[in-house]
C-alpha atoms as a PDB file:
ATOM      1  CA  MET A   1    -117.886 -37.452 197.717  1.00  0.00           C
ATOM      2  CA  SER A   2    -114.224 -38.458 197.616  1.00  0.00           C
ATOM      3  CA  VAL A   3    -110.961 -37.206 196.126  1.00  0.00           C
ATOM      4  CA  SER A   4    -108.320 -39.600 194.821  1.00  0.00           C
ATOM      5  CA  GLY A   5    -105.083 -39.250 192.919  1.00  0.00           C
ATOM      6  CA  TYR A   6    -102.849 -41.595 190.939  1.00  0.00           C
ATOM      7  CA  THR A   7    -100.281 -41.667 188.154  1.00  0.00           C
ATOM      8  CA  VAL A   8    -100.409 -43.420 184.790  1.00  0.00           C
ATOM      9  CA  SER A   9     -97.419 -44.330 182.616  1.00  0.00           C
ATOM     10  CA  LEU A  10     -98.254 -43.753 178.942  1.00  0.00           C
ATOM     11  CA  GLY A  11     -96.773 -45.065 175.726  1.00  0.00           C
ATOM     12  CA  THR A  12     -97.761 -44.630 172.102  1.00  0.00           C
ATOM     13  CA  ALA A  13    -100.879 -46.820 172.455  1.00  0.00           C
ATOM     14  CA  SER A  14    -104.061 -45.239 173.786  1.00  0.00           C
ATOM     15  CA  VAL A  15    -105.035 -46.435 177.291  1.00  0.00           C
ATOM     16  CA  PRO A  16    -107.801 -45.401 179.716  1.00  0.00           C
ATOM     17  CA  ILE A  17    -106.662 -42.932 182.361  1.00  0.00           C
ATOM     18  CA  VAL A  18    -110.069 -42.046 183.864  1.00  0.00           C
ATOM     19  CA  GLY A  19    -112.552 -44.858 184.309  1.00  0.00           C
ATOM     20  CA  MET A  20    -116.346 -44.806 184.286  1.00  0.00           C
ATOM     21  CA  SER A  21    -118.133 -43.578 187.396  1.00  0.00           C
ATOM     22  CA  ALA A  22    -121.757 -43.767 188.506  1.00  0.00           C
ATOM     23  CA  ASP A  23    -121.441 -40.115 189.518  1.00  0.00           C
ATOM     24  CA  ALA A  24    -120.249 -36.953 187.819  1.00  0.00           C
ATOM     25  CA  GLN A  25    -116.514 -36.381 188.201  1.00  0.00           C
ATOM     26  CA  HIS A  26    -114.203 -33.395 188.421  1.00  0.00           C
ATOM     27  CA  VAL A  27    -110.799 -34.348 187.028  1.00  0.00           C
ATOM     28  CA  VAL A  28    -107.423 -32.576 186.874  1.00  0.00           C
ATOM     29  CA  ILE A  29    -104.821 -34.165 184.598  1.00  0.00           C
ATOM     30  CA  GLN A  30    -101.188 -33.040 184.629  1.00  0.00           C
ATOM     31  CA  ASN A  31     -98.393 -34.064 182.298  1.00  0.00           C
ATOM     32  CA  LEU A  32     -95.605 -34.825 184.783  1.00  0.00           C
ATOM     33  CA  GLU A  33     -92.872 -34.615 182.141  1.00  0.00           C
ATOM     34  CA  PRO A  34     -90.776 -31.422 181.880  1.00  0.00           C
ATOM     35  CA  SER A  35     -91.583 -28.740 179.337  1.00  0.00           C
ATOM     36  CA  SER A  36     -89.582 -28.947 176.104  1.00  0.00           C
ATOM     37  CA  ASP A  37     -86.871 -26.412 176.867  1.00  0.00           C
ATOM     38  CA  ALA A  38     -83.229 -26.910 177.779  1.00  0.00           C
ATOM     39  CA  ASP A  39     -83.481 -25.568 181.351  1.00  0.00           C
ATOM     40  CA  GLU A  40     -86.274 -27.952 182.309  1.00  0.00           C
ATOM     41  CA  TYR A  41     -84.612 -30.845 180.506  1.00  0.00           C
ATOM     42  CA  ALA A  42     -81.401 -30.228 182.451  1.00  0.00           C
ATOM     43  CA  ARG A  43     -83.171 -30.114 185.811  1.00  0.00           C
ATOM     44  CA  ASN A  44     -85.074 -33.302 185.054  1.00  0.00           C
ATOM     45  CA  GLY A  45     -82.075 -35.312 183.905  1.00  0.00           C
ATOM     46  CA  TYR A  46     -82.613 -35.294 180.138  1.00  0.00           C
ATOM     47  CA  LEU A  47     -79.501 -33.332 179.141  1.00  0.00           C
ATOM     48  CA  TYR A  48     -76.017 -34.805 178.762  1.00  0.00           C
ATOM     49  CA  ILE A  49     -72.628 -33.226 178.162  1.00  0.00           C
ATOM     50  CA  VAL A  50     -69.658 -34.667 176.289  1.00  0.00           C
ATOM     51  CA  GLY A  51     -66.406 -33.233 174.987  1.00  0.00           C
ATOM     52  CA  GLY A  52     -62.667 -33.062 175.240  1.00  0.00           C
ATOM     53  CA  THR A  53     -59.426 -31.392 174.227  1.00  0.00           C
ATOM     54  CA  VAL A  54     -57.250 -32.367 171.274  1.00  0.00           C
ATOM     55  CA  THR A  55     -54.087 -30.934 169.757  1.00  0.00           C
ATOM     56  CA  VAL A  56     -54.628 -30.337 166.045  1.00  0.00           C
ATOM     57  CA  GLY A  57     -51.359 -30.317 164.115  1.00  0.00           C
ATOM     58  CA  ALA A  58     -50.339 -27.903 161.379  1.00  0.00           C
ATOM     59  CA  SER A  59     -52.938 -28.108 158.579  1.00  0.00           C
ATOM     60  CA  GLY A  60     -54.275 -31.194 160.393  1.00  0.00           C
ATOM     61  CA  THR A  61     -57.766 -32.448 161.087  1.00  0.00           C
ATOM     62  CA  ALA A  62     -59.336 -33.931 164.228  1.00  0.00           C
ATOM     63  CA  LEU A  63     -62.239 -36.328 163.685  1.00  0.00           C
ATOM     64  CA  PHE A  64     -64.958 -37.575 166.022  1.00  0.00           C
ATOM     65  CA  ASN A  65     -68.146 -39.568 165.576  1.00  0.00           C
ATOM     66  CA  VAL A  66     -71.465 -39.925 167.353  1.00  0.00           C
ATOM     67  CA  ALA A  67     -73.593 -43.025 166.815  1.00  0.00           C
ATOM     68  CA  THR A  68     -77.134 -42.012 167.754  1.00  0.00           C
ATOM     69  CA  GLY A  69     -79.509 -44.330 169.581  1.00  0.00           C
ATOM     70  CA  ALA A  70     -82.941 -45.593 168.563  1.00  0.00           C
ATOM     71  CA  ALA A  71     -84.606 -42.350 169.691  1.00  0.00           C
ATOM     72  CA  GLY A  72     -82.194 -40.076 167.838  1.00  0.00           C
ATOM     73  CA  LEU A  73     -80.404 -37.153 169.398  1.00  0.00           C
ATOM     74  CA  GLN A  74     -80.858 -33.405 169.616  1.00  0.00           C
ATOM     75  CA  ILE A  75     -77.888 -31.085 170.083  1.00  0.00           C
ATOM     76  CA  GLU A  76     -79.134 -28.306 172.366  1.00  0.00           C
ATOM     77  CA  GLY A  77     -75.897 -26.312 172.384  1.00  0.00           C
ATOM     78  CA  TYR A  78     -72.149 -26.543 172.006  1.00  0.00           C
ATOM     79  CA  GLU A  79     -68.877 -24.782 172.743  1.00  0.00           C
ATOM     80  CA  LEU A  80     -65.882 -24.708 170.391  1.00  0.00           C
ATOM     81  CA  VAL A  81     -62.567 -23.091 171.401  1.00  0.00           C
ATOM     82  CA  SER A  82     -59.198 -22.880 169.655  1.00  0.00           C
ATOM     83  CA  THR A  83     -56.271 -21.509 171.633  1.00  0.00           C
ATOM     84  CA  ALA A  84     -54.006 -20.310 168.829  1.00  0.00           C
ATOM     85  CA  GLU A  85     -55.174 -20.981 165.257  1.00  0.00           C
ATOM     86  CA  PRO A  86     -58.479 -20.804 163.351  1.00  0.00           C
ATOM     87  CA  ILE A  87     -60.441 -24.031 163.062  1.00  0.00           C
ATOM     88  CA  TYR A  88     -63.109 -24.866 160.498  1.00  0.00           C
ATOM     89  CA  ALA A  89     -65.693 -27.121 162.166  1.00  0.00           C
ATOM     90  CA  GLU A  90     -68.222 -29.302 160.330  1.00  0.00           C
ATOM     91  CA  LEU A  91     -71.018 -31.683 161.289  1.00  0.00           C
ATOM     92  CA  VAL A  92     -71.187 -34.366 158.589  1.00  0.00           C
ATOM     93  CA  GLU A  93     -74.208 -36.557 157.885  1.00  0.00           C
ATOM     94  CA  GLY A  94     -74.218 -39.822 155.937  1.00  0.00           C
ATOM     95  CA  ALA A  95     -70.459 -40.358 155.935  1.00  0.00           C
ATOM     96  CA  THR A  96     -68.583 -43.623 156.246  1.00  0.00           C
ATOM     97  CA  VAL A  97     -66.654 -43.342 159.513  1.00  0.00           C
ATOM     98  CA  THR A  98     -63.835 -45.425 160.956  1.00  0.00           C
ATOM     99  CA  THR A  99     -63.820 -44.967 164.713  1.00  0.00           C
ATOM    100  CA  THR A 100     -60.873 -45.531 166.989  1.00  0.00           C
ATOM    101  CA  GLY A 101     -60.306 -45.964 170.697  1.00  0.00           C
ATOM    102  CA  ALA A 102     -62.713 -46.191 173.586  1.00  0.00           C
ATOM    103  CA  ALA A 103     -66.004 -44.334 173.799  1.00  0.00           C
ATOM    104  CA  ILE A 104     -65.841 -40.795 175.160  1.00  0.00           C
ATOM    105  CA  PRO A 105     -68.024 -40.718 178.296  1.00  0.00           C
ATOM    106  CA  SER A 106     -71.036 -38.427 178.445  1.00  0.00           C
ATOM    107  CA  TYR A 107     -72.443 -37.143 181.740  1.00  0.00           C
ATOM    108  CA  ASN A 108     -75.943 -36.261 182.853  1.00  0.00           C
ATOM    109  CA  LEU A 109     -76.120 -32.569 183.798  1.00  0.00           C
ATOM    110  CA  ASN A 110     -78.340 -33.584 186.727  1.00  0.00           C
ATOM    111  CA  ARG A 111     -75.837 -35.435 188.905  1.00  0.00           C
ATOM    112  CA  THR A 112     -78.592 -37.232 190.815  1.00  0.00           C
ATOM    113  CA  GLU A 113     -79.522 -39.056 187.585  1.00  0.00           C
ATOM    114  CA  ALA A 114     -77.746 -41.846 185.715  1.00  0.00           C
ATOM    115  CA  ASP A 115     -75.195 -41.325 182.941  1.00  0.00           C
ATOM    116  CA  ASP A 116     -77.328 -43.504 180.684  1.00  0.00           C
ATOM    117  CA  ALA A 117     -77.299 -41.846 177.263  1.00  0.00           C
ATOM    118  CA  THR A 118     -77.502 -44.364 174.438  1.00  0.00           C
ATOM    119  CA  ALA A 119     -75.509 -42.209 171.975  1.00  0.00           C
ATOM    120  CA  VAL A 120     -71.858 -43.242 171.660  1.00  0.00           C
ATOM    121  CA  PHE A 121     -69.153 -40.632 171.000  1.00  0.00           C
ATOM    122  CA  THR A 122     -65.738 -41.791 169.807  1.00  0.00           C
ATOM    123  CA  ALA A 123     -62.651 -40.460 168.097  1.00  0.00           C
ATOM    124  CA  ALA A 124     -62.344 -41.329 164.406  1.00  0.00           C
ATOM    125  CA  SER A 125     -59.469 -41.982 162.027  1.00  0.00           C
ATOM    126  CA  THR A 126     -61.275 -41.471 158.701  1.00  0.00           C
ATOM    127  CA  VAL A 127     -64.456 -39.798 157.466  1.00  0.00           C
ATOM    128  CA  THR A 128     -65.350 -40.263 153.812  1.00  0.00           C
ATOM    129  CA  GLY A 129     -68.369 -39.069 151.846  1.00  0.00           C
ATOM    130  CA  GLY A 130     -71.467 -37.596 153.427  1.00  0.00           C
ATOM    131  CA  SER A 131     -72.649 -34.006 153.513  1.00  0.00           C
ATOM    132  CA  ALA A 132     -71.609 -31.194 155.850  1.00  0.00           C
ATOM    133  CA  ILE A 133     -74.975 -30.093 157.240  1.00  0.00           C
ATOM    134  CA  SER A 134     -73.593 -27.437 159.586  1.00  0.00           C
ATOM    135  CA  SER A 135     -70.310 -25.556 159.853  1.00  0.00           C
ATOM    136  CA  GLU A 136     -68.572 -22.909 161.962  1.00  0.00           C
ATOM    137  CA  LEU A 137     -65.374 -20.920 161.608  1.00  0.00           C
ATOM    138  CA  ILE A 138     -63.661 -20.726 164.992  1.00  0.00           C
ATOM    139  CA  THR A 139     -61.247 -17.808 165.005  1.00  0.00           C
ATOM    140  CA  ALA A 140     -58.288 -17.541 167.350  1.00  0.00           C
ATOM    141  CA  SER A 141     -55.582 -15.013 168.204  1.00  0.00           C
ATOM    142  CA  LYS A 142     -51.905 -16.000 168.326  1.00  0.00           C
ATOM    143  CA  GLN A 143     -51.255 -13.118 170.694  1.00  0.00           C
ATOM    144  CA  GLY A 144     -54.277 -13.224 172.919  1.00  0.00           C
ATOM    145  CA  GLY A 145     -56.373 -15.627 174.880  1.00  0.00           C
ATOM    146  CA  GLY A 146     -57.722 -17.468 171.887  1.00  0.00           C
ATOM    147  CA  GLY A 147     -61.182 -17.557 170.387  1.00  0.00           C
ATOM    148  CA  GLY A 148     -64.281 -19.332 171.547  1.00  0.00           C
ATOM    149  CA  MET A 149     -67.925 -19.815 170.704  1.00  0.00           C
ATOM    150  CA  ILE A 150     -70.877 -20.862 172.855  1.00  0.00           C
ATOM    151  CA  VAL A 151     -73.938 -21.486 170.711  1.00  0.00           C
ATOM    152  CA  SER A 152     -77.520 -22.543 171.347  1.00  0.00           C
ATOM    153  CA  LYS A 153     -78.087 -23.839 167.829  1.00  0.00           C
ATOM    154  CA  ILE A 154     -80.375 -26.840 167.854  1.00  0.00           C
ATOM    155  CA  HIS A 155     -79.573 -29.769 165.573  1.00  0.00           C
ATOM    156  CA  THR A 156     -81.967 -32.733 165.536  1.00  0.00           C
ATOM    157  CA  LEU A 157     -80.125 -35.853 164.381  1.00  0.00           C
ATOM    158  CA  GLN A 158     -81.652 -38.990 162.907  1.00  0.00           C
ATOM    159  CA  ALA A 159     -81.995 -42.197 164.900  1.00  0.00           C
ATOM    160  CA  SER A 160     -79.498 -45.068 164.620  1.00  0.00           C
ATOM    161  CA  SER A 161     -77.108 -43.040 162.451  1.00  0.00           C
ATOM    162  CA  ASN A 162     -73.491 -41.901 162.408  1.00  0.00           C
ATOM    163  CA  TYR A 163     -72.633 -38.195 162.446  1.00  0.00           C
ATOM    164  CA  ALA A 164     -69.036 -37.058 162.143  1.00  0.00           C
ATOM    165  CA  PHE A 165     -67.454 -33.960 163.652  1.00  0.00           C
ATOM    166  CA  ARG A 166     -64.579 -32.650 161.539  1.00  0.00           C
ATOM    167  CA  PHE A 167     -62.259 -29.962 162.949  1.00  0.00           C
ATOM    168  CA  LYS A 168     -59.704 -28.690 160.426  1.00  0.00           C
ATOM    169  CA  ASN A 169     -56.735 -26.482 161.330  1.00  0.00           C
ATOM    170  CA  LEU A 170     -56.501 -23.758 158.664  1.00  0.00           C
ATOM    171  CA  THR A 171     -52.867 -22.807 159.307  1.00  0.00           C
ATOM    172  CA  ASN A 172     -49.400 -24.386 159.401  1.00  0.00           C
ATOM    173  CA  GLN A 173     -49.136 -24.099 163.202  1.00  0.00           C
ATOM    174  CA  GLU A 174     -50.636 -26.491 165.743  1.00  0.00           C
ATOM    175  CA  THR A 175     -53.406 -25.438 168.097  1.00  0.00           C
ATOM    176  CA  VAL A 176     -55.176 -26.895 171.115  1.00  0.00           C
ATOM    177  CA  PHE A 177     -58.863 -27.326 170.385  1.00  0.00           C
ATOM    178  CA  PHE A 178     -61.652 -27.806 172.932  1.00  0.00           C
ATOM    179  CA  PHE A 179     -65.159 -28.949 172.062  1.00  0.00           C
ATOM    180  CA  GLN A 180     -68.200 -29.588 174.200  1.00  0.00           C
ATOM    181  CA  VAL A 181     -71.661 -30.779 173.141  1.00  0.00           C
ATOM    182  CA  ILE A 182     -74.871 -30.646 175.184  1.00  0.00           C
ATOM    183  CA  PHE A 183     -77.518 -33.040 173.910  1.00  0.00           C
ATOM    184  CA  SER A 184     -80.828 -34.671 174.710  1.00  0.00           C
ATOM    185  CA  GLU A 185     -82.346 -37.968 173.608  1.00  0.00           C
ATOM    186  CA  LYS A 186     -85.903 -36.862 174.365  1.00  0.00           C
ATOM    187  CA  PHE A 187     -87.023 -33.829 172.403  1.00  0.00           C
ATOM    188  CA  ASN A 188     -89.477 -32.149 170.025  1.00  0.00           C
ATOM    189  CA  GLY A 189     -92.644 -33.067 171.881  1.00  0.00           C
ATOM    190  CA  GLN A 190     -91.789 -36.691 172.550  1.00  0.00           C
ATOM    191  CA  ASN A 191     -93.027 -36.083 176.108  1.00  0.00           C
ATOM    192  CA  ASP A 192     -96.366 -34.605 174.976  1.00  0.00           C
ATOM    193  CA  VAL A 193     -99.612 -36.318 175.982  1.00  0.00           C
ATOM    194  CA  TRP A 194    -102.691 -36.597 173.756  1.00  0.00           C
ATOM    195  CA  LEU A 195    -106.091 -36.757 175.470  1.00  0.00           C
ATOM    196  CA  GLY A 196    -109.224 -38.137 173.848  1.00  0.00           C
ATOM    197  CA  GLY A 197    -108.893 -39.297 170.243  1.00  0.00           C
ATOM    198  CA  GLU A 198    -106.064 -40.874 168.347  1.00  0.00           C
ATOM    199  CA  GLY A 199    -102.696 -39.118 168.277  1.00  0.00           C
ATOM    200  CA  GLU A 200    -102.635 -35.590 166.902  1.00  0.00           C
ATOM    201  CA  ALA A 201    -106.386 -35.615 166.278  1.00  0.00           C
ATOM    202  CA  SER A 202    -106.900 -35.133 170.022  1.00  0.00           C
ATOM    203  CA  PHE A 203    -106.112 -32.579 172.731  1.00  0.00           C
ATOM    204  CA  ARG A 204    -102.413 -31.940 173.280  1.00  0.00           C
ATOM    205  CA  LEU A 205    -101.043 -31.605 176.800  1.00  0.00           C
ATOM    206  CA  ARG A 206     -97.432 -30.476 176.714  1.00  0.00           C
ATOM    207  CA  GLY A 207     -94.856 -31.249 179.380  1.00  0.00           C
ATOM    208  CA  GLY A 208     -95.762 -29.571 182.686  1.00  0.00           C
ATOM    209  CA  GLU A 209     -99.231 -28.525 181.530  1.00  0.00           C
ATOM    210  CA  GLN A 210    -102.472 -29.486 183.235  1.00  0.00           C
ATOM    211  CA  VAL A 211    -106.163 -29.409 182.360  1.00  0.00           C
ATOM    212  CA  TYR A 212    -109.394 -29.484 184.382  1.00  0.00           C
ATOM    213  CA  LEU A 213    -112.264 -31.580 183.017  1.00  0.00           C
ATOM    214  CA  PRO A 214    -115.809 -31.812 184.400  1.00  0.00           C
ATOM    215  CA  MET A 215    -117.085 -35.264 183.404  1.00  0.00           C
ATOM    216  CA  ILE A 216    -120.659 -36.469 183.494  1.00  0.00           C
ATOM    217  CA  GLN A 217    -121.864 -39.836 184.731  1.00  0.00           C
ATOM    218  CA  GLY A 218    -120.536 -42.731 182.658  1.00  0.00           C
ATOM    219  CA  GLN A 219    -117.819 -40.805 180.800  1.00  0.00           C
ATOM    220  CA  THR A 220    -114.307 -42.191 180.406  1.00  0.00           C
ATOM    221  CA  LEU A 221    -111.072 -40.699 179.096  1.00  0.00           C
ATOM    222  CA  SER A 222    -108.115 -42.284 177.308  1.00  0.00           C
ATOM    223  CA  ALA A 223    -104.689 -40.871 176.484  1.00  0.00           C
ATOM    224  CA  GLU A 224    -101.418 -41.667 174.748  1.00  0.00           C
ATOM    225  CA  ALA A 225     -97.936 -40.155 174.580  1.00  0.00           C
ATOM    226  CA  GLY A 226     -95.754 -38.980 171.726  1.00  0.00           C
ATOM    227  CA  GLU A 227     -93.167 -41.452 172.985  1.00  0.00           C
ATOM    228  CA  SER A 228     -93.528 -42.021 176.733  1.00  0.00           C
ATOM    229  CA  ALA A 229     -94.831 -39.884 179.562  1.00  0.00           C
ATOM    230  CA  LEU A 230     -96.096 -40.012 183.112  1.00  0.00           C
ATOM    231  CA  VAL A 231     -99.358 -38.231 183.914  1.00  0.00           C
ATOM    232  CA  GLY A 232    -100.934 -37.429 187.271  1.00  0.00           C
ATOM    233  CA  VAL A 233    -104.707 -37.682 187.696  1.00  0.00           C
ATOM    234  CA  LEU A 234    -106.657 -36.063 190.528  1.00  0.00           C
ATOM    235  CA  LYS A 235    -110.384 -36.698 190.568  1.00  0.00           C
ATOM    236  CA  GLN A 236    -113.366 -35.956 192.743  1.00  0.00           C
ATOM    237  CA  ASP A 237    -116.574 -37.971 192.424  1.00  0.00           C
END
């Protein structure tokens, strides 16, 4: 009787993860991907942060754009602050955007991981058409320390698309505006593993979960991922 362990990298095609044995087997399978929540994503290097400060003139508008990558993008949270005047903020989908200047760098919240997000954030000069799919009114006090908002409001954005951020000053006085976006490019179960049958017709193993399977002589087991995942297999036969 022996115990062995190994890892298997899964994609969207079903592949064998436990082979046939002449003896009965006891198998533990663990999804080595993080669970689908922001804390675990941050620790495992899946969350990025991007933002900046801009002076918005009297009755002016500041425009930014994000071009999402092939996997799309999920906004996990954001912070919007105006120091002196109220700002009306909008996230616009389907607009025609003219970008300007260099890309705004985004940083992995886990500083042992690479700053390798595929989404590209840039300033913009014009945004025409499209639909405002989300909006916020950011209040501010001329006398006090300003107004701010930290929100965990999840927005899942389409792949390979442009989304504009429009920040409009509602008064005839300038204000300094700060924005910060926390986002992930792996989300909504894309790190889930499916054991047995094809796709969602089989047993779902979410990120971080594990399952014990007693297997009789001659049995095998295949698996696939929602997008990509690494699983650990420990077996005794």
